[in-house]
Protein backbone atom coordinates (compact mmCIF):
# COMPACT_ATOMS: atom_id res chain seq x y z
CA MET A 1 42.90 45.35 148.96
CA ASN A 2 39.65 45.03 150.89
CA THR A 3 39.31 47.93 153.30
CA PRO A 4 36.66 48.08 156.05
CA SER A 5 34.96 51.30 157.12
CA ASN A 6 36.26 53.09 160.23
CA MET A 7 32.92 53.07 162.09
CA ILE A 8 33.08 56.57 163.58
CA GLU A 9 31.11 57.27 166.72
CA LEU A 10 27.32 57.27 166.52
CA GLY A 11 25.86 60.68 167.32
CA THR A 12 28.62 62.45 165.37
CA LYS A 13 27.29 65.54 163.59
CA ALA A 14 27.47 65.36 159.81
CA PRO A 15 30.45 67.46 158.73
CA PHE A 16 29.28 70.32 156.49
CA PHE A 17 30.29 70.34 152.84
CA GLU A 18 29.85 72.33 149.65
CA LEU A 19 30.96 70.43 146.57
CA PRO A 20 30.48 70.65 142.80
CA ASN A 21 28.02 68.33 141.07
CA PRO A 22 29.53 67.41 137.66
CA SER A 23 26.12 66.28 136.33
CA LYS A 24 24.72 69.76 137.03
CA SER A 25 27.47 71.77 135.28
CA ASN A 26 29.52 71.73 138.49
CA GLU A 27 26.85 73.61 140.43
CA ILE A 28 28.00 73.84 144.05
CA GLN A 29 25.67 71.89 146.31
CA SER A 30 25.83 71.82 150.10
CA LEU A 31 24.74 69.40 152.76
CA ASP A 32 22.14 71.93 153.92
CA ASP A 33 20.70 72.28 150.39
CA LEU A 34 20.46 68.56 149.80
CA LYS A 35 19.70 66.95 153.16
CA GLY A 36 16.53 64.92 153.55
CA GLU A 37 13.53 65.97 155.61
CA LYS A 38 13.78 62.85 157.80
CA GLY A 39 17.21 61.39 157.06
CA THR A 40 20.29 61.73 154.89
CA LEU A 41 22.51 58.92 153.62
CA VAL A 42 25.99 60.09 152.64
CA ILE A 43 27.75 57.54 150.41
CA PHE A 44 31.43 57.67 149.54
CA MET A 45 31.76 55.90 146.20
CA CYS A 46 33.40 56.09 142.80
CA ASN A 47 32.84 54.93 139.22
CA HIS A 48 35.20 52.01 138.80
CA CYS A 49 35.24 50.11 142.09
CA PRO A 50 33.84 46.55 141.80
CA PHE A 51 32.19 46.90 145.22
CA VAL A 52 30.29 49.99 144.04
CA LEU A 53 29.34 48.36 140.74
CA HIS A 54 28.05 45.40 142.75
CA VAL A 55 25.54 47.52 144.72
CA ILE A 56 24.72 50.58 142.61
CA ASP A 57 21.52 49.23 141.02
CA LYS A 58 20.14 48.15 144.40
CA LEU A 59 21.16 51.48 145.88
CA ASN A 60 19.17 53.24 143.19
CA GLU A 61 16.16 51.03 143.98
CA LEU A 62 16.41 51.96 147.65
CA TYR A 63 16.60 55.61 146.66
CA GLU A 64 13.41 55.28 144.63
CA ASP A 65 11.69 53.59 147.58
CA TYR A 66 12.82 55.93 150.34
CA ASN A 67 13.31 59.33 148.74
CA GLU A 68 9.56 59.95 148.75
CA LYS A 69 9.54 59.07 152.47
CA GLY A 70 11.93 61.93 153.26
CA ILE A 71 15.31 60.20 153.04
CA GLU A 72 17.86 61.79 150.73
CA PHE A 73 20.99 60.12 149.35
CA ILE A 74 24.13 62.12 148.59
CA ALA A 75 27.04 60.34 146.89
CA ILE A 76 30.57 61.74 147.01
CA ASN A 77 33.59 60.73 144.95
CA SER A 78 36.87 61.60 146.70
CA ASN A 79 39.29 59.48 144.68
CA ASP A 80 42.53 60.84 143.28
CA VAL A 81 41.58 61.18 139.61
CA GLU A 82 45.13 61.84 138.46
CA LYS A 83 46.11 58.30 139.39
CA TYR A 84 42.61 56.89 138.70
CA PRO A 85 41.29 58.70 135.60
CA ALA A 86 38.28 56.32 135.51
CA ASP A 87 36.92 58.34 138.46
CA ALA A 88 37.30 61.76 136.80
CA PRO A 89 34.31 64.15 136.99
CA GLU A 90 33.35 63.71 133.32
CA LYS A 91 33.31 59.94 133.93
CA MET A 92 31.06 60.52 136.96
CA ILE A 93 28.51 62.04 134.58
CA GLU A 94 28.76 59.03 132.25
CA PHE A 95 28.45 56.62 135.18
CA GLN A 96 25.35 58.38 136.48
CA ILE A 97 23.69 58.27 133.04
CA GLU A 98 24.69 54.66 132.42
CA ARG A 99 23.45 53.43 135.83
CA LYS A 100 20.41 55.76 135.79
CA PHE A 101 20.61 56.98 139.37
CA ASP A 102 19.08 60.33 140.28
CA PHE A 103 20.65 61.12 143.64
CA PRO A 104 23.34 63.83 143.62
CA TYR A 105 26.89 62.64 142.93
CA LEU A 106 29.43 65.23 144.09
CA TYR A 107 33.16 65.56 143.53
CA ASP A 108 35.50 66.05 146.52
CA GLU A 109 38.67 66.99 144.68
CA SER A 110 40.62 68.08 147.78
CA GLN A 111 39.59 64.91 149.68
CA ALA A 112 38.85 67.16 152.67
CA ILE A 113 35.30 65.87 152.97
CA ALA A 114 36.30 62.21 152.91
CA LYS A 115 38.78 63.04 155.70
CA ALA A 116 36.15 64.95 157.68
CA TYR A 117 33.88 61.88 157.55
CA ASP A 118 36.80 59.49 158.18
CA ALA A 119 35.67 57.62 155.08
CA ALA A 120 37.87 54.64 154.26
CA CYS A 121 36.38 52.63 151.43
CA THR A 122 34.05 52.67 148.45
CA PRO A 123 31.23 52.28 149.18
CA ASP A 124 31.18 53.75 152.71
CA PHE A 125 27.75 54.63 154.15
CA PHE A 126 26.87 57.26 156.78
CA PHE A 127 23.20 57.70 157.72
CA PHE A 128 22.07 60.79 159.64
CA ASP A 129 18.73 61.70 161.19
CA GLU A 130 16.83 64.95 160.63
CA LYS A 131 19.16 66.74 163.07
CA LEU A 132 22.17 65.44 161.08
CA ASP A 133 23.28 63.19 163.94
CA LEU A 134 24.89 59.91 162.84
CA ILE A 135 22.58 56.97 163.56
CA TYR A 136 23.99 54.27 161.30
CA ARG A 137 27.30 53.61 159.58
CA GLY A 138 28.57 50.48 157.99
CA GLN A 139 27.55 48.05 155.31
CA MET A 140 24.58 48.11 152.98
CA ASP A 141 24.15 44.34 153.41
CA ASP A 142 26.22 41.14 153.63
CA SER A 143 26.73 40.81 149.88
CA ARG A 144 30.19 41.35 148.37
CA PRO A 145 31.42 40.68 144.84
CA GLY A 146 32.00 36.95 144.57
CA ASN A 147 30.42 35.80 147.86
CA ASN A 148 27.20 34.64 146.13
CA LYS A 149 24.94 36.48 148.58
CA ASP A 150 22.09 38.47 147.07
CA VAL A 151 22.32 42.25 147.17
CA THR A 152 19.33 43.07 149.39
CA GLY A 153 20.21 46.41 150.97
CA GLU A 154 19.01 44.83 154.21
CA ASP A 155 21.18 46.71 156.72
CA LEU A 156 20.30 50.08 155.20
CA ILE A 157 16.61 49.16 154.97
CA ILE A 158 16.56 48.29 158.68
CA ALA A 159 18.23 51.63 159.51
CA PHE A 160 15.75 53.54 157.32
CA GLU A 161 12.73 51.71 158.71
CA ASN A 162 13.87 52.20 162.31
CA LEU A 163 14.27 55.93 161.71
CA LEU A 164 10.88 56.28 160.01
CA ALA A 165 9.18 54.30 162.80
CA GLY A 166 10.94 56.27 165.55
CA GLU A 167 12.63 53.08 166.78
CA PRO A 168 16.20 52.80 168.10
CA GLN A 169 18.87 51.62 165.68
CA GLU A 170 20.48 48.20 165.86
CA GLU A 171 23.31 48.10 168.37
CA ILE A 172 25.44 45.85 166.21
CA GLN A 173 26.39 47.59 162.98
CA ARG A 174 28.79 45.85 160.64
CA PRO A 175 31.48 47.72 158.72
CA SER A 176 31.17 48.26 155.03
CA MET A 177 33.89 46.70 152.91
CA GLY A 178 35.29 47.94 149.65
CA CYS A 179 38.28 49.29 147.81
CA ASN A 180 40.19 51.86 149.79
CA ILE A 181 39.64 55.49 148.88
CA LYS A 182 42.45 56.45 146.49
CA TRP A 183 44.26 59.07 148.53
CA LYS A 184 46.61 61.55 146.95
């Protein structure tokens, strides 16, 4: 089932979190520890979703381009791993190694953080400025598995560039689309 993101109100403060990072021996990492100097992209994703697999390499490229400019990415997996063992924490480690991405990938076992962000799908993107106010939420770009559009990252790139240039964000922001978060 294709689920769109909920598009919470712009200006919303990033809900605080402290979550374990399976790739770092379950070290607890918080939003305050990880946030970027200029901006922070919070991504709700998982290991097995075709929509995530479709964009993960491009996402990693964007991370390499923008991390040095002060934008941090934080990925969070909130799926119910009892019903979806492919998303279990040990599989998160394998997925991170296999896809070679360096941004933190945290595990939200209680699903409280996904609920706090009103996350709906994987991937779901929330981009905050240096004050942790929401300035962009929605899709990474127009590409979806099977629609034959290139994965460009265009919508995120525009949001990043606007922030870095001190320009206002686009008024029209399109929802992300993906598999629904697997709620307990």
